[in-house]
Amino acid sequence: MPKIKSHSGAKKRFSVNPKGKVKYASTDRGHFMTEKSQDRKRKLRKGGYLSGKQAKTVKKLIQN
């Protein structure tokens, strides 16, 4: 039986903290930043945490 590979895209986008919560960074930070207001850009700096079924799915994807 071969080993299950982790999902490379998920590894780059999510991380699991010591308590087991799945952390993610905000999207829409790539380009066209001059068109976004300073307030909007400030809010985009913050990330967030996944919960429930989404967190379970991502953990399964990024396990080694």
N, C-alpha and C. Protein backbone atom coordinates (compact mmCIF):
# COMPACT_ATOMS: atom_id res chain seq x y z
N MET A 1 0.84 -1.19 0.00
CA MET A 1 0.00 0.00 0.00
C MET A 1 0.89 1.26 0.00
N PRO A 2 0.74 2.15 -0.99
CA PRO A 2 1.59 3.35 -1.04
C PRO A 2 1.19 4.38 0.03
N LYS A 3 2.16 5.24 0.35
CA LYS A 3 1.89 6.31 1.31
C LYS A 3 0.96 7.35 0.68
N ILE A 4 0.16 8.01 1.50
CA ILE A 4 -0.71 9.08 1.00
C ILE A 4 0.09 10.38 1.04
N LYS A 5 0.11 11.08 -0.10
CA LYS A 5 0.86 12.34 -0.17
C LYS A 5 0.01 13.48 0.38
N SER A 6 0.70 14.48 0.96
CA SER A 6 -0.03 15.67 1.42
C SER A 6 -0.31 16.56 0.22
N HIS A 7 -1.32 17.38 0.34
CA HIS A 7 -1.75 18.27 -0.72
C HIS A 7 -0.84 19.50 -0.72
N SER A 8 -0.04 19.67 -1.79
CA SER A 8 0.97 20.73 -1.83
C SER A 8 0.36 22.12 -1.73
N GLY A 9 -0.79 22.33 -2.38
CA GLY A 9 -1.45 23.64 -2.34
C GLY A 9 -1.93 23.97 -0.95
N ALA A 10 -2.47 22.98 -0.25
CA ALA A 10 -2.98 23.19 1.11
C ALA A 10 -1.84 23.45 2.09
N LYS A 11 -0.70 22.78 1.88
CA LYS A 11 0.46 22.97 2.75
C LYS A 11 0.92 24.42 2.73
N LYS A 12 0.84 25.06 1.54
CA LYS A 12 1.31 26.43 1.39
C LYS A 12 0.32 27.44 1.96
N ARG A 13 -0.95 27.10 2.03
CA ARG A 13 -1.98 28.07 2.39
C ARG A 13 -2.47 27.98 3.83
N PHE A 14 -2.29 26.84 4.47
CA PHE A 14 -2.81 26.64 5.82
C PHE A 14 -1.71 26.16 6.75
N SER A 15 -1.87 26.45 8.05
CA SER A 15 -0.96 25.90 9.05
C SER A 15 -1.77 25.55 10.28
N VAL A 16 -1.28 24.56 11.03
CA VAL A 16 -1.97 24.12 12.24
C VAL A 16 -1.16 24.59 13.44
N ASN A 17 -1.81 25.30 14.36
CA ASN A 17 -1.10 25.79 15.54
C ASN A 17 -1.03 24.70 16.60
N PRO A 18 -0.28 24.90 17.67
CA PRO A 18 -0.11 23.85 18.68
C PRO A 18 -1.41 23.33 19.30
N LYS A 19 -2.44 24.17 19.36
CA LYS A 19 -3.72 23.73 19.91
C LYS A 19 -4.55 22.93 18.91
N GLY A 20 -4.09 22.89 17.65
CA GLY A 20 -4.79 22.11 16.64
C GLY A 20 -5.73 22.92 15.77
N LYS A 21 -5.73 24.25 15.93
CA LYS A 21 -6.59 25.10 15.09
C LYS A 21 -5.91 25.32 13.74
N VAL A 22 -6.71 25.42 12.69
CA VAL A 22 -6.18 25.62 11.34
C VAL A 22 -6.23 27.11 11.01
N LYS A 23 -5.06 27.69 10.74
CA LYS A 23 -4.93 29.11 10.47
C LYS A 23 -4.79 29.35 8.97
N TYR A 24 -5.39 30.46 8.48
CA TYR A 24 -5.26 30.81 7.08
C TYR A 24 -5.03 32.32 6.96
N ALA A 25 -4.45 32.74 5.85
CA ALA A 25 -4.24 34.16 5.57
C ALA A 25 -5.35 34.65 4.65
N SER A 26 -5.63 35.94 4.71
CA SER A 26 -6.68 36.52 3.86
C SER A 26 -6.28 36.46 2.39
N THR A 27 -7.28 36.38 1.53
CA THR A 27 -7.04 36.39 0.09
C THR A 27 -7.10 37.83 -0.42
N ASP A 28 -6.96 38.02 -1.73
CA ASP A 28 -7.06 39.33 -2.39
C ASP A 28 -5.92 40.28 -2.01
N ARG A 29 -4.73 39.72 -1.74
CA ARG A 29 -3.58 40.56 -1.38
C ARG A 29 -2.55 40.58 -2.50
N GLY A 30 -2.85 39.96 -3.64
CA GLY A 30 -1.84 39.76 -4.67
C GLY A 30 -1.48 40.99 -5.46
N HIS A 31 -2.43 41.58 -6.12
CA HIS A 31 -2.14 42.73 -6.98
C HIS A 31 -3.35 43.65 -7.01
N PHE A 32 -3.25 44.75 -7.75
CA PHE A 32 -4.26 45.83 -7.76
C PHE A 32 -4.43 46.44 -6.38
N MET A 33 -3.34 46.52 -5.63
CA MET A 33 -3.42 47.04 -4.27
C MET A 33 -3.65 48.55 -4.26
N THR A 34 -3.28 49.24 -5.34
CA THR A 34 -3.48 50.69 -5.38
C THR A 34 -4.96 51.04 -5.49
N GLU A 35 -5.76 50.13 -6.00
CA GLU A 35 -7.19 50.38 -6.16
C GLU A 35 -7.99 50.11 -4.90
N LYS A 36 -7.37 49.49 -3.91
CA LYS A 36 -8.06 49.15 -2.67
C LYS A 36 -7.81 50.26 -1.64
N SER A 37 -8.82 50.52 -0.83
CA SER A 37 -8.69 51.57 0.18
C SER A 37 -7.74 51.12 1.28
N GLN A 38 -7.19 52.09 2.00
CA GLN A 38 -6.26 51.79 3.09
C GLN A 38 -6.96 50.97 4.17
N ASP A 39 -8.22 51.28 4.43
CA ASP A 39 -9.00 50.57 5.43
C ASP A 39 -9.17 49.10 5.04
N ARG A 40 -9.47 48.87 3.77
CA ARG A 40 -9.66 47.50 3.27
C ARG A 40 -8.36 46.72 3.34
N LYS A 41 -7.26 47.37 2.97
CA LYS A 41 -5.96 46.69 3.01
C LYS A 41 -5.56 46.33 4.44
N ARG A 42 -5.89 47.20 5.37
CA ARG A 42 -5.60 46.95 6.78
C ARG A 42 -6.36 45.73 7.27
N LYS A 43 -7.62 45.63 6.87
CA LYS A 43 -8.44 44.48 7.27
C LYS A 43 -7.95 43.19 6.63
N LEU A 44 -7.36 43.29 5.43
CA LEU A 44 -6.86 42.10 4.74
C LEU A 44 -5.60 41.53 5.38
N ARG A 45 -4.92 42.33 6.21
CA ARG A 45 -3.72 41.83 6.88
C ARG A 45 -4.05 40.71 7.84
N LYS A 46 -5.22 40.78 8.44
CA LYS A 46 -5.62 39.77 9.41
C LYS A 46 -5.99 38.47 8.72
N GLY A 47 -5.64 37.39 9.34
CA GLY A 47 -6.05 36.08 8.84
C GLY A 47 -7.26 35.60 9.61
N GLY A 48 -7.35 34.30 9.78
CA GLY A 48 -8.46 33.75 10.54
C GLY A 48 -8.24 32.28 10.81
N TYR A 49 -9.22 31.67 11.46
CA TYR A 49 -9.15 30.25 11.79
C TYR A 49 -10.35 29.53 11.21
N LEU A 50 -10.10 28.34 10.68
CA LEU A 50 -11.20 27.51 10.18
C LEU A 50 -11.80 26.74 11.36
N SER A 51 -13.07 26.34 11.19
CA SER A 51 -13.69 25.56 12.25
C SER A 51 -14.55 24.46 11.64
N GLY A 52 -14.87 23.49 12.45
CA GLY A 52 -15.78 22.42 12.05
C GLY A 52 -15.28 21.56 10.92
N LYS A 53 -16.15 21.30 9.97
CA LYS A 53 -15.88 20.38 8.87
C LYS A 53 -14.73 20.88 7.99
N GLN A 54 -14.65 22.20 7.78
CA GLN A 54 -13.58 22.75 6.94
C GLN A 54 -12.21 22.47 7.56
N ALA A 55 -12.08 22.67 8.86
CA ALA A 55 -10.81 22.42 9.54
C ALA A 55 -10.43 20.95 9.45
N LYS A 56 -11.41 20.08 9.62
CA LYS A 56 -11.16 18.64 9.55
C LYS A 56 -10.65 18.24 8.16
N THR A 57 -11.26 18.80 7.13
CA THR A 57 -10.87 18.50 5.75
C THR A 57 -9.45 18.97 5.48
N VAL A 58 -9.12 20.18 5.89
CA VAL A 58 -7.78 20.74 5.65
C VAL A 58 -6.73 19.95 6.41
N LYS A 59 -7.01 19.54 7.64
CA LYS A 59 -6.05 18.74 8.41
C LYS A 59 -5.76 17.44 7.70
N LYS A 60 -6.77 16.85 7.11
CA LYS A 60 -6.60 15.60 6.37
C LYS A 60 -5.70 15.83 5.14
N LEU A 61 -5.84 16.98 4.48
CA LEU A 61 -5.05 17.29 3.31
C LEU A 61 -3.57 17.54 3.63
N ILE A 62 -3.31 18.19 4.77
CA ILE A 62 -1.93 18.56 5.05
C ILE A 62 -1.19 17.58 5.96
N GLN A 63 -1.84 16.48 6.34
CA GLN A 63 -1.13 15.49 7.16
C GLN A 63 -0.01 14.85 6.34
N ASN A 64 1.06 14.44 7.00
CA ASN A 64 2.21 13.86 6.29
C ASN A 64 2.05 12.38 6.11
